[in-house]
PDB file of N, CA and C in Angstrom:
ATOM      1  N   MET A   1       0.991  -1.123   0.027  1.00  0.00           N
ATOM      2  CA  MET A   1       0.092   0.232  -0.390  1.00  0.00           C
ATOM      3  C   MET A   1       0.952   1.280   0.129  1.00  0.00           C
ATOM      4  N   ARG A   2       0.969   2.154  -0.917  1.00  0.00           N
ATOM      5  CA  ARG A   2       1.539   3.582  -0.947  1.00  0.00           C
ATOM      6  C   ARG A   2       1.059   4.299   0.236  1.00  0.00           C
ATOM      7  N   GLY A   3       2.122   4.873   0.336  1.00  0.00           N
ATOM      8  CA  GLY A   3       1.745   6.118   1.812  1.00  0.00           C
ATOM      9  C   GLY A   3       1.058   6.767   1.340  1.00  0.00           C
ATOM     10  N   ALA A   4       0.141   8.220   2.398  1.00  0.00           N
ATOM     11  CA  ALA A   4       0.176   9.492   1.917  1.00  0.00           C
ATOM     12  C   ALA A   4       0.676  10.478   1.460  1.00  0.00           C
ATOM     13  N   GLY A   5       2.034   9.978   1.870  1.00  0.00           N
ATOM     14  CA  GLY A   5       3.184  11.312   1.937  1.00  0.00           C
ATOM     15  C   GLY A   5       3.127  11.827   0.753  1.00  0.00           C
ATOM     16  N   PRO A   6       3.802  12.863   0.780  1.00  0.00           N
ATOM     17  CA  PRO A   6       4.732  13.670  -0.450  1.00  0.00           C
ATOM     18  C   PRO A   6       5.235  12.437  -1.272  1.00  0.00           C
ATOM     19  N   ARG A   7       4.916  13.002  -2.885  1.00  0.00           N
ATOM     20  CA  ARG A   7       5.209  11.841  -3.691  1.00  0.00           C
ATOM     21  C   ARG A   7       5.452  12.532  -5.275  1.00  0.00           C
ATOM     22  N   LEU A   8       6.403  12.387  -6.102  1.00  0.00           N
ATOM     23  CA  LEU A   8       7.060  13.154  -7.269  1.00  0.00           C
ATOM     24  C   LEU A   8       5.936  12.737  -8.232  1.00  0.00           C
ATOM     25  N   GLU A   9       5.416  13.284  -8.722  1.00  0.00           N
ATOM     26  CA  GLU A   9       4.421  13.389 -10.174  1.00  0.00           C
ATOM     27  C   GLU A   9       5.220  12.318 -11.032  1.00  0.00           C
ATOM     28  N   THR A  10       4.270  11.572 -11.686  1.00  0.00           N
ATOM     29  CA  THR A  10       4.656  10.978 -12.954  1.00  0.00           C
ATOM     30  C   THR A  10       4.673  11.485 -14.140  1.00  0.00           C
ATOM     31  N   ALA A  11       5.722  11.482 -15.108  1.00  0.00           N
ATOM     32  CA  ALA A  11       5.390  11.711 -16.650  1.00  0.00           C
ATOM     33  C   ALA A  11       4.027  11.762 -17.099  1.00  0.00           C
ATOM     34  N   ALA A  12       3.716  10.721 -16.944  1.00  0.00           N
ATOM     35  CA  ALA A  12       1.821  10.922 -17.322  1.00  0.00           C
ATOM     36  C   ALA A  12       1.337  11.796 -16.773  1.00  0.00           C
ATOM     37  N   GLU A  13       1.238  12.132 -15.716  1.00  0.00           N
ATOM     38  CA  GLU A  13       0.466  13.329 -14.692  1.00  0.00           C
ATOM     39  C   GLU A  13       0.739  14.319 -15.174  1.00  0.00           C
ATOM     40  N   ILE A  14       1.812  14.727 -15.622  1.00  0.00           N
ATOM     41  CA  ILE A  14       2.277  15.779 -16.170  1.00  0.00           C
ATOM     42  C   ILE A  14       1.891  16.151 -17.914  1.00  0.00           C
ATOM     43  N   ASN A  15       1.990  14.796 -18.384  1.00  0.00           N
ATOM     44  CA  ASN A  15       1.504  15.160 -19.725  1.00  0.00           C
ATOM     45  C   ASN A  15       0.149  15.513 -19.924  1.00  0.00           C
ATOM     46  N   ARG A  16      -0.833  14.844 -18.911  1.00  0.00           N
ATOM     47  CA  ARG A  16      -2.091  15.306 -18.990  1.00  0.00           C
ATOM     48  C   ARG A  16      -2.369  16.652 -18.881  1.00  0.00           C
ATOM     49  N   LEU A  17      -1.235  16.821 -17.690  1.00  0.00           N
ATOM     50  CA  LEU A  17      -1.402  18.313 -17.142  1.00  0.00           C
ATOM     51  C   LEU A  17      -0.906  19.799 -18.401  1.00  0.00           C
ATOM     52  N   GLY A  18      -0.019  18.991 -19.008  1.00  0.00           N
ATOM     53  CA  GLY A  18       0.878  19.746 -20.128  1.00  0.00           C
ATOM     54  C   GLY A  18      -0.194  20.501 -21.313  1.00  0.00           C
ATOM     55  N   ALA A  19      -1.372  19.752 -21.433  1.00  0.00           N
ATOM     56  CA  ALA A  19      -2.133  20.420 -22.576  1.00  0.00           C
ATOM     57  C   ALA A  19      -2.665  21.733 -21.486  1.00  0.00           C
ATOM     58  N   ARG A  20      -2.953  21.832 -20.585  1.00  0.00           N
ATOM     59  CA  ARG A  20      -2.973  23.098 -19.822  1.00  0.00           C
ATOM     60  C   ARG A  20      -1.442  24.302 -19.577  1.00  0.00           C
ATOM     61  N   ARG A  21      -0.589  23.476 -20.265  1.00  0.00           N
ATOM     62  CA  ARG A  21       0.744  24.593 -20.265  1.00  0.00           C
ATOM     63  C   ARG A  21       0.937  24.468 -19.652  1.00  0.00           C
ATOM     64  N   ARG A  22       1.434  23.502 -18.317  1.00  0.00           N
ATOM     65  CA  ARG A  22       1.508  23.684 -17.195  1.00  0.00           C
ATOM     66  C   ARG A  22       3.269  23.117 -16.872  1.00  0.00           C
ATOM     67  N   HIS A  23       4.042  23.371 -16.299  1.00  0.00           N
ATOM     68  CA  HIS A  23       5.701  23.027 -16.399  1.00  0.00           C
ATOM     69  C   HIS A  23       6.382  23.099 -15.230  1.00  0.00           C
ATOM     70  N   HIS A  24       5.532  22.367 -13.966  1.00  0.00           N
ATOM     71  CA  HIS A  24       5.755  22.399 -12.600  1.00  0.00           C
ATOM     72  C   HIS A  24       4.289  21.485 -12.403  1.00  0.00           C
ATOM     73  N   GLY A  25       4.920  20.271 -11.400  1.00  0.00           N
ATOM     74  CA  GLY A  25       3.700  19.285 -10.816  1.00  0.00           C
ATOM     75  C   GLY A  25       3.225  20.128  -9.489  1.00  0.00           C
ATOM     76  N   ARG A  26       2.756  19.803  -8.660  1.00  0.00           N
ATOM     77  CA  ARG A  26       2.102  20.199  -7.460  1.00  0.00           C
ATOM     78  C   ARG A  26       1.805  19.352  -6.141  1.00  0.00           C
ATOM     79  N   MET A  27       2.100  19.882  -5.160  1.00  0.00           N
ATOM     80  CA  MET A  27       1.517  18.636  -4.533  1.00  0.00           C
ATOM     81  C   MET A  27       0.589  19.213  -3.350  1.00  0.00           C
ATOM     82  N   THR A  28      -0.378  18.895  -3.220  1.00  0.00           N
ATOM     83  CA  THR A  28      -1.673  19.595  -2.338  1.00  0.00           C
ATOM     84  C   THR A  28      -1.688  19.641  -0.852  1.00  0.00           C
ATOM     85  N   GLY A  29      -1.970  20.914  -0.306  1.00  0.00           N
ATOM     86  CA  GLY A  29      -2.048  21.097   0.890  1.00  0.00           C
ATOM     87  C   GLY A  29      -3.749  21.020   1.513  1.00  0.00           C
ATOM     88  N   MET A  30      -4.369  20.086   0.688  1.00  0.00           N
ATOM     89  CA  MET A  30      -5.669  20.481   1.026  1.00  0.00           C
ATOM     90  C   MET A  30      -5.943  19.592   2.702  1.00  0.00           C
ATOM     91  N   PRO A  31      -5.463  18.387   2.656  1.00  0.00           N
ATOM     92  CA  PRO A  31      -5.480  17.649   3.984  1.00  0.00           C
ATOM     93  C   PRO A  31      -5.473  18.706   5.285  1.00  0.00           C
ATOM     94  N   GLU A  32      -4.555  19.599   5.372  1.00  0.00           N
ATOM     95  CA  GLU A  32      -4.171  20.259   6.205  1.00  0.00           C
ATOM     96  C   GLU A  32      -5.077  21.664   6.153  1.00  0.00           C
ATOM     97  N   ALA A  33      -5.434  22.200   5.027  1.00  0.00           N
ATOM     98  CA  ALA A  33      -6.401  23.527   5.246  1.00  0.00           C
ATOM     99  C   ALA A  33      -8.014  22.944   5.512  1.00  0.00           C
ATOM    100  N   VAL A  34      -8.233  21.608   5.469  1.00  0.00           N
ATOM    101  CA  VAL A  34      -9.605  21.432   5.934  1.00  0.00           C
ATOM    102  C   VAL A  34      -9.261  21.126   7.465  1.00  0.00           C
ATOM    103  N   LEU A  35      -8.497  20.537   7.587  1.00  0.00           N
ATOM    104  CA  LEU A  35      -8.275  20.367   9.131  1.00  0.00           C
ATOM    105  C   LEU A  35      -7.935  21.763   9.575  1.00  0.00           C
ATOM    106  N   ALA A  36      -7.351  22.398   9.268  1.00  0.00           N
ATOM    107  CA  ALA A  36      -7.398  23.297   9.890  1.00  0.00           C
ATOM    108  C   ALA A  36      -8.081  24.329  10.120  1.00  0.00           C
ATOM    109  N   ARG A  37      -9.334  24.282   9.033  1.00  0.00           N
ATOM    110  CA  ARG A  37     -10.631  24.743   8.923  1.00  0.00           C
ATOM    111  C   ARG A  37     -11.507  24.514  10.280  1.00  0.00           C
ATOM    112  N   GLU A  38     -11.413  23.025  10.290  1.00  0.00           N
ATOM    113  CA  GLU A  38     -12.257  22.002  11.185  1.00  0.00           C
ATOM    114  C   GLU A  38     -11.722  22.967  12.637  1.00  0.00           C
ATOM    115  N   LEU A  39     -10.948  23.163  12.549  1.00  0.00           N
ATOM    116  CA  LEU A  39     -10.200  23.477  14.548  1.00  0.00           C
ATOM    117  C   LEU A  39     -10.296  24.898  14.725  1.00  0.00           C
ATOM    118  N   GLY A  40     -10.806  25.637  13.932  1.00  0.00           N
ATOM    119  CA  GLY A  40     -10.915  26.811  13.645  1.00  0.00           C
ATOM    120  C   GLY A  40      -9.450  27.980  13.528  1.00  0.00           C
ATOM    121  N   VAL A  41      -8.412  27.216  13.130  1.00  0.00           N
ATOM    122  CA  VAL A  41      -6.824  27.685  13.457  1.00  0.00           C
ATOM    123  C   VAL A  41      -7.033  28.123  11.290  1.00  0.00           C
ATOM    124  N   ASN A  42      -6.208  29.503  11.548  1.00  0.00           N
ATOM    125  CA  ASN A  42      -5.845  30.210  10.505  1.00  0.00           C
ATOM    126  C   ASN A  42      -5.375  29.543  10.008  1.00  0.00           C
ATOM    127  N   TYR A  43      -5.086  29.732   8.735  1.00  0.00           N
ATOM    128  CA  TYR A  43      -3.718  28.926   7.295  1.00  0.00           C
ATOM    129  C   TYR A  43      -3.505  29.618   6.614  1.00  0.00           C
ATOM    130  N   ALA A  44      -2.643  29.322   6.259  1.00  0.00           N
ATOM    131  CA  ALA A  44      -2.095  29.997   4.629  1.00  0.00           C
ATOM    132  C   ALA A  44      -0.372  29.021   4.361  1.00  0.00           C
ATOM    133  N   ALA A  45      -0.376  28.771   3.511  1.00  0.00           N
ATOM    134  CA  ALA A  45       0.559  27.960   2.878  1.00  0.00           C
ATOM    135  C   ALA A  45       1.811  28.838   1.725  1.00  0.00           C
ATOM    136  N   ILE A  46       3.014  28.091   1.712  1.00  0.00           N
ATOM    137  CA  ILE A  46       4.112  28.679   1.417  1.00  0.00           C
ATOM    138  C   ILE A  46       4.570  27.455   0.081  1.00  0.00           C
ATOM    139  N   GLY A  47       4.276  27.785  -1.158  1.00  0.00           N
ATOM    140  CA  GLY A  47       4.619  26.942  -1.698  1.00  0.00           C
ATOM    141  C   GLY A  47       6.528  27.230  -2.245  1.00  0.00           C
ATOM    142  N   VAL A  48       7.026  26.232  -2.041  1.00  0.00           N
ATOM    143  CA  VAL A  48       8.634  26.310  -3.047  1.00  0.00           C
ATOM    144  C   VAL A  48       8.731  25.143  -4.251  1.00  0.00           C
ATOM    145  N   VAL A  49       9.056  25.427  -5.140  1.00  0.00           N
ATOM    146  CA  VAL A  49       9.371  24.791  -6.473  1.00  0.00           C
ATOM    147  C   VAL A  49      10.469  24.157  -6.113  1.00  0.00           C
ATOM    148  N   ALA A  50      10.304  22.775  -6.456  1.00  0.00           N
ATOM    149  CA  ALA A  50      12.090  22.306  -5.850  1.00  0.00           C
ATOM    150  C   ALA A  50      12.639  21.449  -7.392  1.00  0.00           C
ATOM    151  N   ASN A  51      11.742  21.361  -8.331  1.00  0.00           N
ATOM    152  CA  ASN A  51      12.377  20.562  -9.106  1.00  0.00           C
ATOM    153  C   ASN A  51      11.309  21.023 -10.378  1.00  0.00           C
ATOM    154  N   HIS A  52      11.683  20.825 -11.919  1.00  0.00           N
ATOM    155  CA  HIS A  52      10.959  20.919 -12.587  1.00  0.00           C
ATOM    156  C   HIS A  52       9.819  19.783 -13.034  1.00  0.00           C
ATOM    157  N   ALA A  53       8.611  19.736 -13.424  1.00  0.00           N
ATOM    158  CA  ALA A  53       8.056  18.412 -13.414  1.00  0.00           C
ATOM    159  C   ALA A  53       8.129  17.254 -14.209  1.00  0.00           C
ATOM    160  N   ALA A  54       8.143  16.186 -14.105  1.00  0.00           N
ATOM    161  CA  ALA A  54       9.031  14.700 -15.197  1.00  0.00           C
ATOM    162  C   ALA A  54       8.923  15.269 -16.333  1.00  0.00           C
ATOM    163  N   GLY A  55       9.574  14.956 -16.864  1.00  0.00           N
ATOM    164  CA  GLY A  55      10.020  15.157 -18.551  1.00  0.00           C
ATOM    165  C   GLY A  55      10.129  16.831 -19.072  1.00  0.00           C
ATOM    166  N   ARG A  56      10.130  17.611 -18.195  1.00  0.00           N
ATOM    167  CA  ARG A  56      10.459  18.749 -18.233  1.00  0.00           C
ATOM    168  C   ARG A  56      11.743  19.446 -17.957  1.00  0.00           C
ATOM    169  N   GLY A  57      12.563  20.447 -18.292  1.00  0.00           N
ATOM    170  CA  GLY A  57      13.215  20.923 -18.131  1.00  0.00           C
ATOM    171  C   GLY A  57      14.670  20.523 -17.747  1.00  0.00           C
ATOM    172  N   THR A  58      15.371  20.279 -16.991  1.00  0.00           N
ATOM    173  CA  THR A  58      16.134  19.793 -15.847  1.00  0.00           C
ATOM    174  C   THR A  58      15.679  18.316 -15.353  1.00  0.00           C
ATOM    175  N   SER A  59      14.594  17.765 -15.098  1.00  0.00           N
ATOM    176  CA  SER A  59      14.101  16.698 -15.274  1.00  0.00           C
ATOM    177  C   SER A  59      13.621  16.215 -16.149  1.00  0.00           C
ATOM    178  N   GLU A  60      14.178  16.383 -17.362  1.00  0.00           N
ATOM    179  CA  GLU A  60      13.735  15.730 -19.031  1.00  0.00           C
ATOM    180  C   GLU A  60      13.738  14.102 -18.788  1.00  0.00           C
ATOM    181  N   HIS A  61      15.575  13.707 -18.194  1.00  0.00           N
ATOM    182  CA  HIS A  61      15.508  12.003 -18.407  1.00  0.00           C
ATOM    183  C   HIS A  61      15.789  11.976 -16.984  1.00  0.00           C
ATOM    184  N   ILE A  62      15.385  12.602 -15.767  1.00  0.00           N
ATOM    185  CA  ILE A  62      15.398  12.171 -14.333  1.00  0.00           C
ATOM    186  C   ILE A  62      15.305  12.992 -13.355  1.00  0.00           C
ATOM    187  N   ILE A  63      14.893  12.563 -12.292  1.00  0.00           N
ATOM    188  CA  ILE A  63      14.754  13.701 -11.490  1.00  0.00           C
ATOM    189  C   ILE A  63      15.295  13.133  -9.925  1.00  0.00           C
ATOM    190  N   ARG A  64      16.568  13.779  -9.846  1.00  0.00           N
ATOM    191  CA  ARG A  64      17.858  13.417  -8.549  1.00  0.00           C
ATOM    192  C   ARG A  64      16.978  14.049  -7.697  1.00  0.00           C
ATOM    193  N   TYR A  65      16.958  13.463  -6.583  1.00  0.00           N
ATOM    194  CA  TYR A  65      16.768  13.855  -5.324  1.00  0.00           C
ATOM    195  C   TYR A  65      17.964  14.746  -4.674  1.00  0.00           C
ATOM    196  N   GLN A  66      19.006  14.337  -4.963  1.00  0.00           N
ATOM    197  CA  GLN A  66      19.831  15.531  -4.190  1.00  0.00           C
ATOM    198  C   GLN A  66      20.265  16.839  -5.052  1.00  0.00           C
ATOM    199  N   ASP A  67      19.650  16.995  -6.166  1.00  0.00           N
ATOM    200  CA  ASP A  67      19.320  17.888  -6.910  1.00  0.00           C
ATOM    201  C   ASP A  67      17.972  18.646  -6.339  1.00  0.00           C
ATOM    202  N   ILE A  68      17.264  17.835  -5.701  1.00  0.00           N
ATOM    203  CA  ILE A  68      15.910  18.380  -4.912  1.00  0.00           C
ATOM    204  C   ILE A  68      16.357  19.014  -3.585  1.00  0.00           C
ATOM    205  N   ASP A  69      17.162  17.882  -3.101  1.00  0.00           N
ATOM    206  CA  ASP A  69      17.837  18.675  -2.110  1.00  0.00           C
ATOM    207  C   ASP A  69      18.056  20.025  -1.755  1.00  0.00           C
ATOM    208  N   ALA A  70      19.236  20.364  -2.672  1.00  0.00           N
ATOM    209  CA  ALA A  70      20.009  21.333  -2.857  1.00  0.00           C
ATOM    210  C   ALA A  70      19.143  22.475  -2.973  1.00  0.00           C
ATOM    211  N   VAL A  71      18.113  22.051  -3.796  1.00  0.00           N
ATOM    212  CA  VAL A  71      16.950  23.700  -4.147  1.00  0.00           C
ATOM    213  C   VAL A  71      16.143  23.726  -2.658  1.00  0.00           C
ATOM    214  N   LEU A  72      15.374  23.354  -2.002  1.00  0.00           N
ATOM    215  CA  LEU A  72      15.001  22.709  -0.747  1.00  0.00           C
ATOM    216  C   LEU A  72      15.978  23.555   0.447  1.00  0.00           C
ATOM    217  N   SER A  73      17.104  22.895   0.740  1.00  0.00           N
ATOM    218  CA  SER A  73      18.230  24.018   1.717  1.00  0.00           C
ATOM    219  C   SER A  73      17.984  25.441   1.751  1.00  0.00           C
ATOM    220  N   GLU A  74      18.191  25.743   0.423  1.00  0.00           N
ATOM    221  CA  GLU A  74      18.373  27.063   0.380  1.00  0.00           C
ATOM    222  C   GLU A  74      17.120  27.637   0.317  1.00  0.00           C
ATOM    223  N   SER A  75      15.758  27.004  -0.536  1.00  0.00           N
ATOM    224  CA  SER A  75      14.867  28.037  -0.249  1.00  0.00           C
ATOM    225  C   SER A  75      13.942  27.709   1.342  1.00  0.00           C
ATOM    226  N   MET A  76      14.537  26.755   2.060  1.00  0.00           N
ATOM    227  CA  MET A  76      13.666  26.833   3.396  1.00  0.00           C
ATOM    228  C   MET A  76      14.586  27.990   4.051  1.00  0.00           C
ATOM    229  N   GLY A  77      15.433  27.921   3.931  1.00  0.00           N
ATOM    230  CA  GLY A  77      16.420  29.283   4.386  1.00  0.00           C
ATOM    231  C   GLY A  77      15.281  30.732   4.241  1.00  0.00           C
ATOM    232  N   ARG A  78      15.040  30.855   3.293  1.00  0.00           N
ATOM    233  CA  ARG A  78      14.079  31.711   3.039  1.00  0.00           C
ATOM    234  C   ARG A  78      12.848  31.779   3.308  1.00  0.00           C
ATOM    235  N   VAL A  79      12.199  30.960   3.220  1.00  0.00           N
ATOM    236  CA  VAL A  79      11.038  30.410   4.088  1.00  0.00           C
ATOM    237  C   VAL A  79      10.686  30.831   5.535  1.00  0.00           C
ATOM    238  N   ARG A  80      12.196  30.165   6.239  1.00  0.00           N
ATOM    239  CA  ARG A  80      12.547  30.656   7.928  1.00  0.00           C
ATOM    240  C   ARG A  80      12.384  32.158   7.291  1.00  0.00           C
ATOM    241  N   SER A  81      13.292  33.102   7.036  1.00  0.00           N
ATOM    242  CA  SER A  81      13.320  34.130   7.069  1.00  0.00           C
ATOM    243  C   SER A  81      11.656  34.901   7.047  1.00  0.00           C
ATOM    244  N   ILE A  82      10.713  34.291   6.104  1.00  0.00           N
ATOM    245  CA  ILE A  82       9.560  34.806   6.300  1.00  0.00           C
ATOM    246  C   ILE A  82       8.610  35.001   7.214  1.00  0.00           C
ATOM    247  N   LEU A  83       8.692  33.406   7.963  1.00  0.00           N
ATOM    248  CA  LEU A  83       8.202  33.478   9.073  1.00  0.00           C
ATOM    249  C   LEU A  83       8.739  33.831  10.535  1.00  0.00           C
ATOM    250  N   GLU A  84       9.908  34.071  10.270  1.00  0.00           N
ATOM    251  CA  GLU A  84      10.477  35.151  11.403  1.00  0.00           C
ATOM    252  C   GLU A  84       9.606  36.137  11.272  1.00  0.00           C
ATOM    253  N   HIS A  85       9.749  37.031   9.978  1.00  0.00           N
ATOM    254  CA  HIS A  85       9.548  38.508   9.615  1.00  0.00           C
ATOM    255  C   HIS A  85       7.847  38.509  10.433  1.00  0.00           C
ATOM    256  N   LEU A  86       6.973  37.258  10.187  1.00  0.00           N
ATOM    257  CA  LEU A  86       5.278  37.231  10.024  1.00  0.00           C
ATOM    258  C   LEU A  86       5.220  37.245  11.978  1.00  0.00           C
ATOM    259  N   VAL A  87       6.320  36.589  12.363  1.00  0.00           N
ATOM    260  CA  VAL A  87       5.842  36.583  13.793  1.00  0.00           C
ATOM    261  C   VAL A  87       6.515  37.596  14.420  1.00  0.00           C
ATOM    262  N   ALA A  88       7.314  38.279  14.184  1.00  0.00           N
ATOM    263  CA  ALA A  88       7.761  39.685  14.666  1.00  0.00           C
ATOM    264  C   ALA A  88       7.150  40.936  14.101  1.00  0.00           C
ATOM    265  N   ILE A  89       6.022  40.865  13.162  1.00  0.00           N
ATOM    266  CA  ILE A  89       5.217  41.404  13.002  1.00  0.00           C
ATOM    267  C   ILE A  89       3.653  41.403  14.054  1.00  0.00           C
ATOM    268  N   HIS A  90       3.087  40.138  13.976  1.00  0.00           N
ATOM    269  CA  HIS A  90       2.005  40.200  14.387  1.00  0.00           C
ATOM    270  C   HIS A  90       2.573  39.154  16.202  1.00  0.00           C
ATOM    271  N   GLY A  91       3.605  39.151  16.731  1.00  0.00           N
ATOM    272  CA  GLY A  91       3.943  38.616  17.839  1.00  0.00           C
ATOM    273  C   GLY A  91       4.004  37.183  18.049  1.00  0.00           C
ATOM    274  N   SER A  92       3.812  36.489  19.145  1.00  0.00           N
ATOM    275  CA  SER A  92       4.038  34.962  19.375  1.00  0.00           C
ATOM    276  C   SER A  92       2.503  34.651  20.018  1.00  0.00           C
TER     277      SER A  92
END
């Protein structure tokens, strides 16, 4: 049985979305948004593009996890800065 966690898109999924001119796949935040609403908690999402969609750009032949890790390491520093700024503005 496949887990419910994050996964990379398949080339078939991207080809289907390609008809709509998309170049990046996406993961959903829907389970978290629904839970936050049920709990009455404010919710916001920050999206980070970590790789080209399967079969596109640098992912034309293969998606290398070390490439994704490098992008995420850099991007998470920026996300952390955004969160620190928001906490400073709105208090803890």
